[in-house]
C-alpha atoms as a PDB file:
ATOM      1  CA  MET A   1      25.730  30.965  -4.623  1.00  0.00           C
ATOM      2  CA  ASN A   2      26.435  27.813  -6.574  1.00  0.00           C
ATOM      3  CA  LYS A   3      24.802  26.468  -9.737  1.00  0.00           C
ATOM      4  CA  THR A   4      22.685  23.851  -7.957  1.00  0.00           C
ATOM      5  CA  THR A   5      21.230  26.359  -5.501  1.00  0.00           C
ATOM      6  CA  LEU A   6      20.439  28.805  -8.291  1.00  0.00           C
ATOM      7  CA  GLY A   7      18.796  26.041 -10.362  1.00  0.00           C
ATOM      8  CA  ASN A   8      16.613  25.038  -7.404  1.00  0.00           C
ATOM      9  CA  ALA A   9      15.696  28.674  -6.750  1.00  0.00           C
ATOM     10  CA  ILE A  10      14.597  29.133 -10.385  1.00  0.00           C
ATOM     11  CA  ARG A  11      12.574  25.902 -10.315  1.00  0.00           C
ATOM     12  CA  ILE A  12      10.837  26.863  -7.046  1.00  0.00           C
ATOM     13  CA  GLU A  13      10.191  30.478  -8.073  1.00  0.00           C
ATOM     14  CA  LEU A  14       8.599  29.424 -11.392  1.00  0.00           C
ATOM     15  CA  LYS A  15       6.837  26.426  -9.804  1.00  0.00           C
ATOM     16  CA  LEU A  16       8.253  24.066 -12.416  1.00  0.00           C
ATOM     17  CA  ASN A  17       7.908  20.301 -12.148  1.00  0.00           C
ATOM     18  CA  CYS A  18      11.213  19.602 -13.868  1.00  0.00           C
ATOM     19  CA  GLN A  19      14.958  19.876 -13.464  1.00  0.00           C
ATOM     20  CA  VAL A  20      16.803  23.162 -14.051  1.00  0.00           C
ATOM     21  CA  ARG A  21      20.511  22.767 -14.769  1.00  0.00           C
ATOM     22  CA  VAL A  22      22.524  26.003 -14.693  1.00  0.00           C
ATOM     23  CA  ARG A  23      25.383  26.045 -17.211  1.00  0.00           C
ATOM     24  CA  GLU A  24      26.778  29.478 -16.331  1.00  0.00           C
ATOM     25  CA  PHE A  25      25.578  32.550 -14.497  1.00  0.00           C
ATOM     26  CA  SER A  26      26.473  36.114 -13.602  1.00  0.00           C
ATOM     27  CA  THR A  27      24.822  38.767 -11.461  1.00  0.00           C
ATOM     28  CA  LYS A  28      22.503  39.652 -14.361  1.00  0.00           C
ATOM     29  CA  GLU A  29      21.561  36.345 -16.022  1.00  0.00           C
ATOM     30  CA  ALA A  30      21.665  32.564 -15.834  1.00  0.00           C
ATOM     31  CA  LYS A  31      22.101  30.310 -18.876  1.00  0.00           C
ATOM     32  CA  THR A  32      20.194  27.125 -18.126  1.00  0.00           C
ATOM     33  CA  GLU A  33      18.780  23.932 -19.496  1.00  0.00           C
ATOM     34  CA  VAL A  34      15.220  23.104 -18.461  1.00  0.00           C
ATOM     35  CA  ILE A  35      14.824  19.317 -18.530  1.00  0.00           C
ATOM     36  CA  PHE A  36      11.401  17.645 -18.646  1.00  0.00           C
ATOM     37  CA  GLU A  37      11.132  13.879 -18.327  1.00  0.00           C
ATOM     38  CA  MET A  38       8.408  12.542 -20.610  1.00  0.00           C
ATOM     39  CA  ASP A  39       8.836   8.946 -19.438  1.00  0.00           C
ATOM     40  CA  GLU A  40      11.687   6.798 -18.189  1.00  0.00           C
ATOM     41  CA  ARG A  41      13.548   6.909 -21.500  1.00  0.00           C
ATOM     42  CA  GLN A  42      12.654  10.277 -22.999  1.00  0.00           C
ATOM     43  CA  LYS A  43      13.778  13.710 -21.882  1.00  0.00           C
ATOM     44  CA  VAL A  44      13.101  17.067 -23.493  1.00  0.00           C
ATOM     45  CA  VAL A  45      15.743  19.757 -22.959  1.00  0.00           C
ATOM     46  CA  PHE A  46      15.085  23.460 -23.551  1.00  0.00           C
ATOM     47  CA  PRO A  47      17.892  25.991 -23.381  1.00  0.00           C
ATOM     48  CA  LYS A  48      16.679  29.085 -21.533  1.00  0.00           C
ATOM     49  CA  ILE A  49      18.312  32.309 -20.343  1.00  0.00           C
ATOM     50  CA  PHE A  50      16.815  33.752 -17.161  1.00  0.00           C
ATOM     51  CA  GLU A  51      17.297  37.336 -16.081  1.00  0.00           C
ATOM     52  CA  ILE A  52      18.371  37.578 -12.442  1.00  0.00           C
ATOM     53  CA  LYS A  53      17.021  40.353 -10.245  1.00  0.00           C
ATOM     54  CA  ILE A  54      18.210  40.473  -6.666  1.00  0.00           C
ATOM     55  CA  ALA A  55      15.705  41.955  -4.223  1.00  0.00           C
ATOM     56  CA  HIS A  56      17.330  43.812  -1.356  1.00  0.00           C
ATOM     57  CA  GLU A  57      15.219  43.772   1.767  1.00  0.00           C
ATOM     58  CA  THR A  58      15.882  45.223   5.179  1.00  0.00           C
ATOM     59  CA  CYS A  59      15.130  43.113   8.228  1.00  0.00           C
ATOM     60  CA  GLN A  60      12.693  44.525  10.778  1.00  0.00           C
ATOM     61  CA  ARG A  61      15.396  45.349  13.338  1.00  0.00           C
ATOM     62  CA  CYS A  62      17.576  47.188  10.786  1.00  0.00           C
ATOM     63  CA  TYR A  63      14.534  49.080   9.534  1.00  0.00           C
ATOM     64  CA  GLN A  64      13.681  50.137  13.090  1.00  0.00           C
ATOM     65  CA  ILE A  65      17.248  51.316  13.690  1.00  0.00           C
ATOM     66  CA  SER A  66      17.378  53.313  10.455  1.00  0.00           C
ATOM     67  CA  SER A  67      13.977  54.913  11.070  1.00  0.00           C
ATOM     68  CA  GLY A  68      14.691  55.807  14.718  1.00  0.00           C
ATOM     69  CA  TYR A  69      11.826  53.665  16.065  1.00  0.00           C
ATOM     70  CA  TYR A  70      11.270  53.760  19.822  1.00  0.00           C
ATOM     71  CA  GLU A  71       8.642  52.666  22.363  1.00  0.00           C
ATOM     72  CA  ALA A  72      10.104  54.152  25.543  1.00  0.00           C
ATOM     73  CA  VAL A  73      11.678  57.437  26.602  1.00  0.00           C
ATOM     74  CA  ILE A  74      13.826  57.543  29.725  1.00  0.00           C
ATOM     75  CA  GLN A  75      14.235  61.032  31.148  1.00  0.00           C
ATOM     76  CA  LEU A  76      17.255  61.209  33.452  1.00  0.00           C
ATOM     77  CA  ARG A  77      17.795  64.419  35.436  1.00  0.00           C
ATOM     78  CA  GLY A  78      20.191  65.488  38.179  1.00  0.00           C
ATOM     79  CA  ASN A  79      23.857  64.659  38.851  1.00  0.00           C
ATOM     80  CA  ARG A  80      25.809  64.293  35.574  1.00  0.00           C
ATOM     81  CA  MET A  81      28.050  61.469  36.891  1.00  0.00           C
ATOM     82  CA  LYS A  82      25.083  59.384  38.092  1.00  0.00           C
ATOM     83  CA  ILE A  83      23.308  59.953  34.769  1.00  0.00           C
ATOM     84  CA  GLU A  84      26.345  58.730  32.796  1.00  0.00           C
ATOM     85  CA  LYS A  85      26.685  55.676  35.036  1.00  0.00           C
ATOM     86  CA  LEU A  86      23.012  54.712  34.635  1.00  0.00           C
ATOM     87  CA  HIS A  87      23.199  55.403  30.892  1.00  0.00           C
ATOM     88  CA  GLU A  88      26.086  52.921  30.544  1.00  0.00           C
ATOM     89  CA  LYS A  89      24.213  50.277  32.561  1.00  0.00           C
ATOM     90  CA  LEU A  90      21.141  50.773  30.371  1.00  0.00           C
ATOM     91  CA  LYS A  91      23.182  50.580  27.165  1.00  0.00           C
ATOM     92  CA  LYS A  92      24.821  47.281  28.193  1.00  0.00           C
ATOM     93  CA  TYR A  93      21.508  45.830  29.390  1.00  0.00           C
ATOM     94  CA  VAL A  94      19.662  46.710  26.170  1.00  0.00           C
ATOM     95  CA  GLU A  95      22.406  45.595  23.767  1.00  0.00           C
ATOM     96  CA  LYS A  96      22.874  42.293  25.615  1.00  0.00           C
ATOM     97  CA  ARG A  97      19.187  41.520  25.009  1.00  0.00           C
ATOM     98  CA  GLY A  98      19.154  42.417  21.309  1.00  0.00           C
ATOM     99  CA  GLY A  99      17.642  45.879  21.637  1.00  0.00           C
ATOM    100  CA  PHE A 100      19.006  49.278  20.750  1.00  0.00           C
ATOM    101  CA  ILE A 101      18.972  52.888  21.849  1.00  0.00           C
ATOM    102  CA  ALA A 102      17.415  54.880  19.018  1.00  0.00           C
ATOM    103  CA  LYS A 103      18.794  58.258  20.087  1.00  0.00           C
ATOM    104  CA  VAL A 104      19.945  60.324  23.037  1.00  0.00           C
ATOM    105  CA  ASP A 105      18.950  63.967  23.461  1.00  0.00           C
ATOM    106  CA  MET A 106      21.043  66.115  25.767  1.00  0.00           C
ATOM    107  CA  VAL A 107      18.813  68.570  27.614  1.00  0.00           C
ATOM    108  CA  GLU A 108      19.629  71.375  30.029  1.00  0.00           C
ATOM    109  CA  ASN A 109      19.771  69.316  33.235  1.00  0.00           C
ATOM    110  CA  GLY A 110      20.113  65.740  31.963  1.00  0.00           C
ATOM    111  CA  GLU A 111      19.308  63.567  28.973  1.00  0.00           C
ATOM    112  CA  ASP A 112      16.451  61.779  27.241  1.00  0.00           C
ATOM    113  CA  ILE A 113      17.195  58.239  26.061  1.00  0.00           C
ATOM    114  CA  TYR A 114      14.936  56.642  23.429  1.00  0.00           C
ATOM    115  CA  VAL A 115      14.783  52.817  23.637  1.00  0.00           C
ATOM    116  CA  ASN A 116      13.189  50.545  21.036  1.00  0.00           C
ATOM    117  CA  ASP A 117      11.456  48.156  23.475  1.00  0.00           C
ATOM    118  CA  LYS A 118       9.282  49.275  26.394  1.00  0.00           C
ATOM    119  CA  LEU A 119       9.121  45.791  27.959  1.00  0.00           C
ATOM    120  CA  MET A 120      12.902  45.604  28.060  1.00  0.00           C
ATOM    121  CA  THR A 121      12.962  49.070  29.632  1.00  0.00           C
ATOM    122  CA  ASN A 122      10.494  47.899  32.312  1.00  0.00           C
ATOM    123  CA  GLU A 123      12.699  44.866  32.990  1.00  0.00           C
ATOM    124  CA  PHE A 124      15.756  47.115  33.334  1.00  0.00           C
ATOM    125  CA  PHE A 125      14.138  49.205  36.061  1.00  0.00           C
ATOM    126  CA  THR A 126      12.811  46.112  37.847  1.00  0.00           C
ATOM    127  CA  PHE A 127      16.198  44.369  37.650  1.00  0.00           C
ATOM    128  CA  HIS A 128      18.018  47.368  39.133  1.00  0.00           C
ATOM    129  CA  ARG A 129      15.257  48.001  41.709  1.00  0.00           C
ATOM    130  CA  LEU A 130      14.656  51.531  40.452  1.00  0.00           C
ATOM    131  CA  LYS A 131      11.299  53.267  40.755  1.00  0.00           C
ATOM    132  CA  PRO A 132      10.889  55.871  38.020  1.00  0.00           C
ATOM    133  CA  ILE A 133       7.762  57.960  37.513  1.00  0.00           C
ATOM    134  CA  ARG A 134       5.895  56.336  34.620  1.00  0.00           C
ATOM    135  CA  SER A 135       3.539  57.906  32.138  1.00  0.00           C
ATOM    136  CA  PHE A 136       1.948  56.594  28.963  1.00  0.00           C
ATOM    137  CA  ARG A 137       1.087  58.305  25.693  1.00  0.00           C
ATOM    138  CA  LEU A 138      -1.091  56.873  22.928  1.00  0.00           C
ATOM    139  CA  TYR A 139       0.794  57.074  19.642  1.00  0.00           C
ATOM    140  CA  GLY A 140      -1.313  54.970  17.271  1.00  0.00           C
ATOM    141  CA  MET A 141      -2.870  51.636  16.492  1.00  0.00           C
ATOM    142  CA  ARG A 142      -1.049  48.373  15.824  1.00  0.00           C
ATOM    143  CA  GLN A 143      -3.018  45.402  14.514  1.00  0.00           C
ATOM    144  CA  GLY A 144      -6.280  46.951  15.693  1.00  0.00           C
ATOM    145  CA  ARG A 145      -5.067  47.649  19.227  1.00  0.00           C
ATOM    146  CA  LYS A 146      -3.990  50.888  20.860  1.00  0.00           C
ATOM    147  CA  ALA A 147      -0.213  51.302  21.016  1.00  0.00           C
ATOM    148  CA  TYR A 148       1.425  53.396  23.724  1.00  0.00           C
ATOM    149  CA  ARG A 149       4.834  54.946  24.241  1.00  0.00           C
ATOM    150  CA  ASN A 150       6.053  54.859  27.817  1.00  0.00           C
ATOM    151  CA  THR A 151       7.965  57.670  29.499  1.00  0.00           C
ATOM    152  CA  TYR A 152      10.116  56.975  32.553  1.00  0.00           C
ATOM    153  CA  SER A 153      11.334  59.961  34.580  1.00  0.00           C
ATOM    154  CA  MET A 154      14.081  59.723  37.190  1.00  0.00           C
ATOM    155  CA  HIS A 155      15.856  62.339  39.224  1.00  0.00           C
ATOM    156  CA  LEU A 156      19.301  61.139  40.326  1.00  0.00           C
END
């Protein structure tokens, strides 16, 4: 961050109708001059030290990844080689479209794959001309509407 950007950020954050000139700054504070123009010939300059606090926020996608968020469960059962092959296709398909696989559970005769986006999961099965058994489970409300998790079961 440079001095001009920091000065503009301070001015915008405090909603000041003046110029903020940053003389020096660190990660904790900024030594500034706040300049008010009274008229064309007169300026009033106030030295001011501002404390800097950096807010760390997580984007929605990173939050979903860290919390293990998912909308769809794909249950693959049967031949281990076919399951691994389909799993790799799914992984590439999802990652190429900006999604993620939240987790994979290995079960006795296959695996359960948890995907963050149910629409993308639907598109995957349509694209590959696969016909899984679909079921839906209500898991809550989102913006006043019922939200469902989809389960796709396939025997390979």
